N, C-alpha and C. Protein backbone atom coordinates (compact mmCIF):
# COMPACT_ATOMS: atom_id res chain seq x y z
N MET A 1 -113.48 -20.02 -22.77
CA MET A 1 -114.45 -21.08 -22.87
C MET A 1 -113.93 -22.10 -23.86
N MET A 2 -113.99 -23.35 -23.48
CA MET A 2 -113.50 -24.43 -24.33
C MET A 2 -114.68 -25.27 -24.78
N LEU A 3 -114.73 -25.58 -26.04
CA LEU A 3 -115.78 -26.42 -26.58
C LEU A 3 -115.18 -27.74 -27.01
N THR A 4 -115.81 -28.82 -26.63
CA THR A 4 -115.36 -30.12 -27.09
C THR A 4 -116.54 -31.08 -27.09
N GLU A 5 -116.47 -32.05 -27.94
CA GLU A 5 -117.49 -33.08 -27.99
C GLU A 5 -116.89 -34.44 -27.68
N GLU A 6 -115.62 -34.49 -27.39
CA GLU A 6 -114.95 -35.74 -27.10
C GLU A 6 -115.25 -36.16 -25.67
N ALA A 7 -115.75 -37.37 -25.50
CA ALA A 7 -116.12 -37.86 -24.17
C ALA A 7 -114.90 -37.95 -23.27
N ALA A 8 -113.79 -38.40 -23.79
CA ALA A 8 -112.58 -38.53 -22.98
C ALA A 8 -112.11 -37.17 -22.47
N ALA A 9 -112.20 -36.17 -23.32
CA ALA A 9 -111.79 -34.83 -22.91
C ALA A 9 -112.74 -34.28 -21.86
N LEU A 10 -114.03 -34.54 -22.01
CA LEU A 10 -115.01 -34.06 -21.03
C LEU A 10 -114.77 -34.70 -19.65
N GLN A 11 -114.40 -35.96 -19.63
CA GLN A 11 -114.13 -36.63 -18.34
C GLN A 11 -112.95 -35.98 -17.64
N ILE A 12 -111.96 -35.57 -18.39
CA ILE A 12 -110.79 -34.94 -17.79
C ILE A 12 -111.10 -33.52 -17.36
N LEU A 13 -111.83 -32.78 -18.21
CA LEU A 13 -112.11 -31.39 -17.92
C LEU A 13 -113.16 -31.21 -16.82
N MET A 14 -114.11 -32.09 -16.79
CA MET A 14 -115.20 -31.96 -15.80
C MET A 14 -115.11 -33.13 -14.84
N ASN A 15 -114.29 -32.94 -13.82
CA ASN A 15 -114.08 -34.03 -12.87
C ASN A 15 -114.89 -33.87 -11.59
N GLU A 16 -115.85 -32.98 -11.57
CA GLU A 16 -116.73 -32.79 -10.42
C GLU A 16 -118.14 -33.20 -10.80
N ASP A 17 -118.89 -33.62 -9.80
CA ASP A 17 -120.29 -33.98 -10.03
C ASP A 17 -121.12 -32.72 -10.14
N LEU A 18 -122.06 -32.71 -11.07
CA LEU A 18 -122.97 -31.59 -11.26
C LEU A 18 -124.39 -32.05 -10.96
N TYR A 19 -125.13 -31.20 -10.27
CA TYR A 19 -126.52 -31.53 -9.94
C TYR A 19 -127.41 -30.39 -10.41
N LEU A 20 -128.56 -30.72 -10.93
CA LEU A 20 -129.52 -29.73 -11.37
C LEU A 20 -130.70 -29.72 -10.41
N THR A 21 -131.22 -28.55 -10.17
CA THR A 21 -132.43 -28.43 -9.35
C THR A 21 -133.60 -28.13 -10.26
N LYS A 22 -134.81 -28.10 -9.69
CA LYS A 22 -135.99 -27.79 -10.50
C LYS A 22 -135.89 -26.39 -11.09
N ASN A 23 -135.32 -25.47 -10.35
CA ASN A 23 -135.16 -24.10 -10.86
C ASN A 23 -134.24 -24.04 -12.07
N ASP A 24 -133.28 -24.94 -12.11
CA ASP A 24 -132.37 -24.97 -13.25
C ASP A 24 -133.06 -25.44 -14.52
N LEU A 25 -134.12 -26.21 -14.33
CA LEU A 25 -134.81 -26.77 -15.48
C LEU A 25 -135.88 -25.86 -16.05
N VAL A 26 -136.19 -24.77 -15.36
CA VAL A 26 -137.20 -23.84 -15.85
C VAL A 26 -136.59 -23.01 -16.97
N TRP A 27 -137.27 -23.02 -18.08
CA TRP A 27 -136.78 -22.29 -19.24
C TRP A 27 -137.45 -20.94 -19.30
N GLU A 28 -136.65 -19.91 -19.28
CA GLU A 28 -137.20 -18.56 -19.39
C GLU A 28 -136.97 -18.08 -20.81
N GLU A 29 -138.03 -17.62 -21.39
CA GLU A 29 -137.88 -17.10 -22.74
C GLU A 29 -137.59 -15.61 -22.66
N LYS A 30 -136.47 -15.26 -23.17
CA LYS A 30 -136.08 -13.86 -23.21
C LYS A 30 -135.85 -13.52 -24.68
N PRO A 31 -136.32 -12.36 -25.09
CA PRO A 31 -136.08 -12.00 -26.49
C PRO A 31 -134.58 -11.86 -26.73
N MET A 32 -134.18 -12.40 -27.81
CA MET A 32 -132.77 -12.37 -28.16
C MET A 32 -132.47 -11.12 -28.99
N GLU A 33 -131.42 -10.44 -28.62
CA GLU A 33 -131.04 -9.24 -29.34
C GLU A 33 -129.95 -9.59 -30.33
N LEU A 34 -130.20 -9.31 -31.55
CA LEU A 34 -129.17 -9.54 -32.56
C LEU A 34 -128.33 -8.29 -32.73
N ILE A 35 -127.07 -8.49 -32.68
CA ILE A 35 -126.15 -7.37 -32.87
C ILE A 35 -125.58 -7.50 -34.26
N SER A 36 -125.84 -6.50 -35.05
CA SER A 36 -125.31 -6.53 -36.41
C SER A 36 -124.31 -5.39 -36.56
N PRO A 37 -123.22 -5.66 -37.23
CA PRO A 37 -122.24 -4.59 -37.44
C PRO A 37 -122.81 -3.53 -38.37
N GLU A 38 -122.32 -2.31 -38.17
CA GLU A 38 -122.79 -1.21 -39.00
C GLU A 38 -122.38 -1.42 -40.45
N LYS A 39 -121.18 -1.92 -40.64
CA LYS A 39 -120.70 -2.19 -41.99
C LYS A 39 -120.53 -3.70 -42.12
N PRO A 40 -120.88 -4.24 -43.25
CA PRO A 40 -120.67 -5.67 -43.42
C PRO A 40 -119.18 -6.00 -43.41
N VAL A 41 -118.84 -7.09 -42.79
CA VAL A 41 -117.45 -7.50 -42.70
C VAL A 41 -117.13 -8.36 -43.92
N ALA A 42 -116.14 -7.95 -44.67
CA ALA A 42 -115.74 -8.70 -45.85
C ALA A 42 -114.50 -9.51 -45.52
N GLU A 43 -114.43 -10.68 -46.05
CA GLU A 43 -113.24 -11.50 -45.86
C GLU A 43 -112.14 -10.98 -46.76
N LEU A 44 -110.95 -10.90 -46.21
CA LEU A 44 -109.81 -10.49 -47.00
C LEU A 44 -109.38 -11.66 -47.87
N PRO A 45 -109.00 -11.38 -49.09
CA PRO A 45 -108.54 -12.48 -49.94
C PRO A 45 -107.24 -13.05 -49.37
N LYS A 46 -107.12 -14.35 -49.41
CA LYS A 46 -105.92 -14.99 -48.90
C LYS A 46 -104.81 -14.83 -49.92
N LYS A 47 -103.64 -14.41 -49.43
CA LYS A 47 -102.50 -14.21 -50.31
C LYS A 47 -101.86 -15.57 -50.56
N THR A 48 -101.75 -15.91 -51.81
CA THR A 48 -101.14 -17.17 -52.16
C THR A 48 -99.68 -16.94 -52.52
N LYS A 49 -98.87 -17.94 -52.25
CA LYS A 49 -97.46 -17.85 -52.56
C LYS A 49 -97.29 -17.99 -54.07
N THR A 50 -96.49 -17.10 -54.65
CA THR A 50 -96.25 -17.13 -56.08
C THR A 50 -95.40 -18.34 -56.43
N GLU A 51 -95.83 -19.07 -57.44
CA GLU A 51 -95.05 -20.20 -57.96
C GLU A 51 -94.23 -19.68 -59.12
N PHE A 52 -92.93 -19.63 -58.93
CA PHE A 52 -92.04 -19.10 -59.96
C PHE A 52 -91.61 -20.19 -60.92
N ILE A 53 -91.52 -19.83 -62.19
CA ILE A 53 -90.95 -20.71 -63.20
C ILE A 53 -89.50 -20.26 -63.35
N PHE A 54 -88.58 -21.19 -63.21
CA PHE A 54 -87.17 -20.83 -63.28
C PHE A 54 -86.35 -21.98 -63.86
N ILE A 55 -85.14 -21.63 -64.30
CA ILE A 55 -84.17 -22.61 -64.78
C ILE A 55 -83.20 -22.87 -63.65
N GLY A 56 -82.85 -24.13 -63.44
CA GLY A 56 -81.87 -24.49 -62.42
C GLY A 56 -82.50 -25.17 -61.23
N LYS A 57 -81.64 -25.47 -60.25
CA LYS A 57 -82.09 -26.15 -59.03
C LYS A 57 -81.81 -25.34 -57.77
N ASN A 58 -81.11 -24.23 -57.90
CA ASN A 58 -80.82 -23.32 -56.79
C ASN A 58 -80.08 -24.02 -55.64
N LEU A 59 -79.18 -24.94 -55.96
CA LEU A 59 -78.46 -25.69 -54.93
C LEU A 59 -77.55 -24.80 -54.09
N LYS A 60 -77.08 -23.70 -54.64
CA LYS A 60 -76.18 -22.80 -53.90
C LYS A 60 -76.85 -21.48 -53.54
N ASN A 61 -78.17 -21.43 -53.60
CA ASN A 61 -78.93 -20.22 -53.25
C ASN A 61 -78.37 -19.00 -53.98
N PHE A 62 -78.21 -19.16 -55.28
CA PHE A 62 -77.66 -18.13 -56.15
C PHE A 62 -78.76 -17.77 -57.15
N LEU A 63 -79.39 -16.61 -56.95
CA LEU A 63 -80.52 -16.19 -57.78
C LEU A 63 -80.05 -15.26 -58.88
N ILE A 64 -80.47 -15.55 -60.11
CA ILE A 64 -80.17 -14.70 -61.27
C ILE A 64 -81.49 -14.21 -61.83
N LEU A 65 -81.65 -12.89 -61.86
CA LEU A 65 -82.85 -12.27 -62.42
C LEU A 65 -82.49 -11.62 -63.75
N THR A 66 -83.34 -11.83 -64.74
CA THR A 66 -83.11 -11.23 -66.05
C THR A 66 -84.27 -10.31 -66.40
N ASP A 67 -84.01 -9.37 -67.29
CA ASP A 67 -85.04 -8.41 -67.68
C ASP A 67 -85.92 -8.94 -68.81
N HIS A 68 -85.59 -10.11 -69.34
CA HIS A 68 -86.40 -10.74 -70.39
C HIS A 68 -86.05 -12.23 -70.43
N LYS A 69 -86.84 -12.99 -71.15
CA LYS A 69 -86.55 -14.41 -71.32
C LYS A 69 -85.29 -14.55 -72.16
N LEU A 70 -84.36 -15.39 -71.69
CA LEU A 70 -83.09 -15.54 -72.39
C LEU A 70 -83.23 -16.47 -73.58
N ASN A 71 -82.58 -16.09 -74.69
CA ASN A 71 -82.56 -16.97 -75.85
C ASN A 71 -81.40 -17.97 -75.70
N ASP A 72 -81.26 -18.85 -76.67
CA ASP A 72 -80.24 -19.91 -76.57
C ASP A 72 -78.82 -19.36 -76.47
N ASN A 73 -78.50 -18.33 -77.26
CA ASN A 73 -77.16 -17.73 -77.20
C ASN A 73 -76.88 -17.12 -75.84
N GLN A 74 -77.87 -16.44 -75.27
CA GLN A 74 -77.70 -15.82 -73.96
C GLN A 74 -77.56 -16.88 -72.87
N LEU A 75 -78.33 -17.95 -72.96
CA LEU A 75 -78.21 -19.05 -71.99
C LEU A 75 -76.84 -19.70 -72.08
N LYS A 76 -76.33 -19.87 -73.29
CA LYS A 76 -75.00 -20.45 -73.48
C LYS A 76 -73.93 -19.54 -72.87
N ALA A 77 -74.06 -18.23 -73.09
CA ALA A 77 -73.10 -17.29 -72.51
C ALA A 77 -73.14 -17.34 -70.98
N LEU A 78 -74.34 -17.43 -70.42
CA LEU A 78 -74.48 -17.53 -68.97
C LEU A 78 -73.91 -18.85 -68.45
N GLU A 79 -74.16 -19.92 -69.18
CA GLU A 79 -73.61 -21.23 -68.79
C GLU A 79 -72.08 -21.18 -68.78
N ASN A 80 -71.47 -20.54 -69.78
CA ASN A 80 -70.01 -20.40 -69.84
C ASN A 80 -69.49 -19.56 -68.68
N THR A 81 -70.20 -18.51 -68.35
CA THR A 81 -69.81 -17.64 -67.22
C THR A 81 -69.85 -18.42 -65.91
N LEU A 82 -70.91 -19.19 -65.72
CA LEU A 82 -71.02 -20.00 -64.50
C LEU A 82 -69.92 -21.06 -64.45
N ALA A 83 -69.61 -21.66 -65.59
CA ALA A 83 -68.57 -22.69 -65.64
C ALA A 83 -67.21 -22.11 -65.22
N ARG A 84 -66.96 -20.85 -65.57
CA ARG A 84 -65.71 -20.20 -65.17
C ARG A 84 -65.64 -20.03 -63.65
N LYS A 85 -66.79 -20.07 -62.99
CA LYS A 85 -66.84 -20.00 -61.52
C LYS A 85 -67.04 -21.40 -60.90
N GLN A 86 -66.81 -22.44 -61.70
CA GLN A 86 -67.02 -23.83 -61.28
C GLN A 86 -68.45 -24.05 -60.79
N MET A 87 -69.40 -23.51 -61.54
CA MET A 87 -70.81 -23.66 -61.22
C MET A 87 -71.57 -24.12 -62.47
N SER A 88 -72.78 -24.59 -62.26
CA SER A 88 -73.65 -24.99 -63.37
C SER A 88 -75.05 -24.46 -63.11
N PHE A 89 -75.97 -24.74 -64.04
CA PHE A 89 -77.35 -24.31 -63.87
C PHE A 89 -77.98 -24.95 -62.63
N ASP A 90 -77.49 -26.11 -62.21
CA ASP A 90 -78.03 -26.75 -60.99
C ASP A 90 -77.78 -25.88 -59.75
N ASP A 91 -76.72 -25.10 -59.78
CA ASP A 91 -76.34 -24.28 -58.61
C ASP A 91 -77.15 -23.01 -58.48
N VAL A 92 -77.82 -22.59 -59.55
CA VAL A 92 -78.51 -21.30 -59.57
C VAL A 92 -80.00 -21.46 -59.87
N ALA A 93 -80.73 -20.37 -59.69
CA ALA A 93 -82.12 -20.26 -60.14
C ALA A 93 -82.17 -19.03 -61.04
N ILE A 94 -82.58 -19.23 -62.30
CA ILE A 94 -82.64 -18.14 -63.26
C ILE A 94 -84.11 -17.81 -63.49
N VAL A 95 -84.49 -16.58 -63.13
CA VAL A 95 -85.88 -16.15 -63.22
C VAL A 95 -86.00 -14.98 -64.18
N ASP A 96 -86.95 -15.09 -65.10
CA ASP A 96 -87.27 -13.98 -66.00
C ASP A 96 -88.18 -13.02 -65.21
N PHE A 97 -87.58 -11.94 -64.71
CA PHE A 97 -88.31 -10.99 -63.87
C PHE A 97 -89.45 -10.32 -64.62
N SER A 98 -89.33 -10.16 -65.94
CA SER A 98 -90.38 -9.51 -66.71
C SER A 98 -91.68 -10.32 -66.72
N ALA A 99 -91.60 -11.60 -66.41
CA ALA A 99 -92.80 -12.45 -66.36
C ALA A 99 -93.61 -12.22 -65.08
N TYR A 100 -93.03 -11.49 -64.12
CA TYR A 100 -93.69 -11.23 -62.83
C TYR A 100 -93.64 -9.73 -62.54
N PRO A 101 -94.41 -8.92 -63.25
CA PRO A 101 -94.29 -7.46 -63.15
C PRO A 101 -94.64 -6.89 -61.77
N ASN A 102 -95.49 -7.54 -61.02
CA ASN A 102 -95.91 -6.98 -59.73
C ASN A 102 -95.31 -7.71 -58.54
N ILE A 103 -94.24 -8.41 -58.76
CA ILE A 103 -93.65 -9.21 -57.69
C ILE A 103 -92.69 -8.34 -56.87
N SER A 104 -92.61 -8.61 -55.60
CA SER A 104 -91.68 -7.87 -54.74
C SER A 104 -90.45 -8.72 -54.46
N PHE A 105 -89.38 -8.04 -54.07
CA PHE A 105 -88.17 -8.78 -53.73
C PHE A 105 -88.41 -9.70 -52.54
N GLU A 106 -89.27 -9.29 -51.61
CA GLU A 106 -89.56 -10.12 -50.44
C GLU A 106 -90.10 -11.48 -50.87
N GLU A 107 -90.99 -11.48 -51.88
CA GLU A 107 -91.55 -12.74 -52.37
C GLU A 107 -90.47 -13.60 -53.02
N LEU A 108 -89.59 -12.97 -53.78
CA LEU A 108 -88.48 -13.70 -54.37
C LEU A 108 -87.57 -14.26 -53.28
N HIS A 109 -87.32 -13.44 -52.28
CA HIS A 109 -86.43 -13.86 -51.19
C HIS A 109 -87.01 -15.04 -50.43
N VAL A 110 -88.31 -15.01 -50.16
CA VAL A 110 -88.95 -16.11 -49.44
C VAL A 110 -88.89 -17.40 -50.27
N SER A 111 -89.07 -17.30 -51.57
CA SER A 111 -89.09 -18.48 -52.42
C SER A 111 -87.69 -19.07 -52.66
N PHE A 112 -86.69 -18.21 -52.83
CA PHE A 112 -85.36 -18.69 -53.23
C PHE A 112 -84.29 -18.58 -52.15
N MET A 113 -84.51 -17.78 -51.13
CA MET A 113 -83.54 -17.56 -50.06
C MET A 113 -82.11 -17.35 -50.60
N PRO A 114 -81.95 -16.36 -51.48
CA PRO A 114 -80.63 -16.19 -52.11
C PRO A 114 -79.57 -15.67 -51.15
N LEU A 115 -78.38 -16.21 -51.30
CA LEU A 115 -77.21 -15.67 -50.61
C LEU A 115 -76.48 -14.71 -51.55
N LYS A 116 -76.66 -14.97 -52.85
CA LYS A 116 -76.09 -14.12 -53.89
C LYS A 116 -77.15 -13.88 -54.95
N LEU A 117 -77.17 -12.66 -55.48
CA LEU A 117 -78.18 -12.26 -56.45
C LEU A 117 -77.52 -11.44 -57.55
N VAL A 118 -77.75 -11.85 -58.80
CA VAL A 118 -77.27 -11.09 -59.95
C VAL A 118 -78.49 -10.64 -60.73
N CYS A 119 -78.54 -9.34 -61.04
CA CYS A 119 -79.67 -8.76 -61.77
C CYS A 119 -79.19 -8.24 -63.12
N PHE A 120 -79.60 -8.90 -64.18
CA PHE A 120 -79.23 -8.49 -65.54
C PHE A 120 -80.29 -7.54 -66.09
N GLY A 121 -79.89 -6.28 -66.32
CA GLY A 121 -80.76 -5.30 -66.95
C GLY A 121 -81.88 -4.78 -66.06
N LEU A 122 -81.77 -4.97 -64.77
CA LEU A 122 -82.80 -4.49 -63.83
C LEU A 122 -82.24 -3.35 -62.99
N ASN A 123 -83.11 -2.42 -62.65
CA ASN A 123 -82.75 -1.35 -61.73
C ASN A 123 -83.14 -1.77 -60.32
N PRO A 124 -82.41 -1.33 -59.32
CA PRO A 124 -82.78 -1.67 -57.95
C PRO A 124 -84.22 -1.30 -57.60
N GLU A 125 -84.69 -0.16 -58.13
CA GLU A 125 -86.06 0.25 -57.81
C GLU A 125 -87.10 -0.71 -58.41
N ASP A 126 -86.72 -1.46 -59.47
CA ASP A 126 -87.62 -2.48 -60.01
C ASP A 126 -87.95 -3.53 -58.94
N LEU A 127 -86.99 -3.73 -58.04
CA LEU A 127 -87.14 -4.72 -56.97
C LEU A 127 -87.55 -4.09 -55.65
N GLY A 128 -87.62 -2.78 -55.62
CA GLY A 128 -87.93 -2.09 -54.37
C GLY A 128 -86.73 -2.05 -53.43
N LEU A 129 -85.53 -2.03 -54.01
CA LEU A 129 -84.30 -2.02 -53.22
C LEU A 129 -83.58 -0.70 -53.42
N PRO A 130 -82.65 -0.36 -52.51
CA PRO A 130 -81.93 0.90 -52.64
C PRO A 130 -81.04 0.95 -53.88
N GLN A 131 -80.86 2.16 -54.40
CA GLN A 131 -80.04 2.38 -55.59
C GLN A 131 -78.59 2.02 -55.30
N THR A 132 -77.92 1.46 -56.29
CA THR A 132 -76.51 1.11 -56.16
C THR A 132 -75.85 1.26 -57.53
N THR A 133 -74.56 1.07 -57.58
CA THR A 133 -73.79 1.25 -58.82
C THR A 133 -73.73 -0.05 -59.61
N LEU A 134 -73.75 0.07 -60.94
CA LEU A 134 -73.60 -1.10 -61.81
C LEU A 134 -72.24 -1.75 -61.60
N ASN A 135 -72.24 -3.06 -61.64
CA ASN A 135 -71.02 -3.87 -61.58
C ASN A 135 -70.20 -3.66 -60.31
N GLU A 136 -70.89 -3.33 -59.23
CA GLU A 136 -70.27 -3.30 -57.90
C GLU A 136 -71.12 -4.17 -57.00
N ILE A 137 -70.47 -4.99 -56.21
CA ILE A 137 -71.20 -5.88 -55.31
C ILE A 137 -71.72 -5.06 -54.14
N HIS A 138 -73.01 -5.16 -53.92
CA HIS A 138 -73.66 -4.44 -52.83
C HIS A 138 -73.97 -5.47 -51.73
N GLN A 139 -73.43 -5.22 -50.54
CA GLN A 139 -73.61 -6.15 -49.42
C GLN A 139 -74.83 -5.79 -48.60
N GLU A 140 -75.75 -6.71 -48.46
CA GLU A 140 -76.91 -6.60 -47.57
C GLU A 140 -76.62 -7.50 -46.37
N PRO A 141 -77.42 -7.41 -45.31
CA PRO A 141 -77.13 -8.25 -44.14
C PRO A 141 -77.08 -9.76 -44.44
N ASN A 142 -77.96 -10.26 -45.31
CA ASN A 142 -78.02 -11.71 -45.52
C ASN A 142 -77.67 -12.16 -46.94
N TYR A 143 -77.32 -11.23 -47.80
CA TYR A 143 -77.02 -11.61 -49.18
C TYR A 143 -76.22 -10.51 -49.86
N GLN A 144 -75.66 -10.86 -51.04
CA GLN A 144 -74.92 -9.91 -51.86
C GLN A 144 -75.69 -9.72 -53.17
N ILE A 145 -75.66 -8.49 -53.70
CA ILE A 145 -76.35 -8.19 -54.95
C ILE A 145 -75.35 -7.58 -55.94
N LEU A 146 -75.47 -8.04 -57.18
CA LEU A 146 -74.71 -7.45 -58.27
C LEU A 146 -75.69 -7.04 -59.36
N TYR A 147 -75.75 -5.74 -59.64
CA TYR A 147 -76.55 -5.23 -60.76
C TYR A 147 -75.62 -5.05 -61.94
N THR A 148 -76.06 -5.50 -63.09
CA THR A 148 -75.23 -5.36 -64.28
C THR A 148 -76.09 -5.09 -65.51
N TYR A 149 -75.44 -4.98 -66.64
CA TYR A 149 -76.12 -4.71 -67.90
C TYR A 149 -77.01 -5.89 -68.29
N SER A 150 -77.92 -5.63 -69.19
CA SER A 150 -78.74 -6.72 -69.73
C SER A 150 -77.87 -7.55 -70.68
N PHE A 151 -78.31 -8.75 -70.96
CA PHE A 151 -77.57 -9.58 -71.92
C PHE A 151 -77.51 -8.91 -73.28
N THR A 152 -78.57 -8.26 -73.66
CA THR A 152 -78.62 -7.58 -74.96
C THR A 152 -77.52 -6.52 -75.04
N GLU A 153 -77.31 -5.78 -73.96
CA GLU A 153 -76.28 -4.73 -73.93
C GLU A 153 -74.87 -5.33 -73.91
N MET A 154 -74.71 -6.46 -73.22
CA MET A 154 -73.38 -7.02 -73.05
C MET A 154 -72.87 -7.83 -74.24
N LEU A 155 -73.75 -8.63 -74.85
CA LEU A 155 -73.28 -9.49 -75.93
C LEU A 155 -72.73 -8.65 -77.07
N GLY A 156 -71.47 -8.89 -77.37
CA GLY A 156 -70.82 -8.13 -78.44
C GLY A 156 -70.12 -6.88 -77.95
N ASN A 157 -70.24 -6.52 -76.69
CA ASN A 157 -69.58 -5.33 -76.15
C ASN A 157 -68.55 -5.80 -75.12
N LYS A 158 -67.30 -5.82 -75.52
CA LYS A 158 -66.23 -6.36 -74.67
C LYS A 158 -66.05 -5.56 -73.38
N ASP A 159 -66.20 -4.25 -73.44
CA ASP A 159 -66.01 -3.43 -72.23
C ASP A 159 -67.06 -3.73 -71.18
N LYS A 160 -68.30 -3.82 -71.60
CA LYS A 160 -69.38 -4.12 -70.64
C LYS A 160 -69.27 -5.56 -70.12
N THR A 161 -68.90 -6.47 -70.99
CA THR A 161 -68.73 -7.87 -70.58
C THR A 161 -67.59 -7.97 -69.57
N LYS A 162 -66.49 -7.27 -69.82
CA LYS A 162 -65.34 -7.31 -68.91
C LYS A 162 -65.71 -6.70 -67.55
N ALA A 163 -66.44 -5.58 -67.56
CA ALA A 163 -66.85 -4.93 -66.30
C ALA A 163 -67.73 -5.89 -65.48
N PHE A 164 -68.62 -6.59 -66.16
CA PHE A 164 -69.47 -7.57 -65.46
C PHE A 164 -68.62 -8.71 -64.90
N TRP A 165 -67.72 -9.25 -65.70
CA TRP A 165 -66.94 -10.41 -65.27
C TRP A 165 -66.03 -10.07 -64.08
N GLU A 166 -65.46 -8.88 -64.07
CA GLU A 166 -64.59 -8.48 -62.95
C GLU A 166 -65.37 -8.51 -61.63
N ALA A 167 -66.61 -8.05 -61.67
CA ALA A 167 -67.44 -8.08 -60.45
C ALA A 167 -67.92 -9.50 -60.15
N MET A 168 -68.31 -10.23 -61.18
CA MET A 168 -68.84 -11.58 -61.00
C MET A 168 -67.81 -12.51 -60.38
N LYS A 169 -66.54 -12.31 -60.71
CA LYS A 169 -65.46 -13.13 -60.13
C LYS A 169 -65.46 -13.02 -58.61
N MET A 170 -65.79 -11.84 -58.10
CA MET A 170 -65.72 -11.59 -56.66
C MET A 170 -67.00 -12.04 -55.92
N LEU A 171 -68.04 -12.30 -56.65
CA LEU A 171 -69.32 -12.67 -56.04
C LEU A 171 -69.31 -14.12 -55.64
């Protein structure tokens, strides 16, 4: 059944002449039966898209997740690391994952569409993803993931920094 109030649409839809007889004009009163559901129907809350606060412009679909908000020294270290890969903050999106405790990777993926993902100080299960080894690139069908130490663990520890950089070079 189609409902419309547009005269032009009615002319197109109803192209036959209609005639009413006296019987058609007789109004019969019939009691109306109301059907009520046994349980009241509640509206489901509409899911809104999460608005993420991040550093960068994500020009290369390169998502960086951190386990805490980065301080100036950590941001400088990350900037230097990106520069060694001929990249800048404009090429990436840096998100403090701790600011979004109930967020799923699917929501992050929809918002950022990452081709490459680096997770500093996060476990795969934090994101709802399969377990993998630190500082090894894990290939998914549409993106690559690198899990590594947190900035707090790496700064000042040459071995951990070197292990991260060896993997980061290949990403």
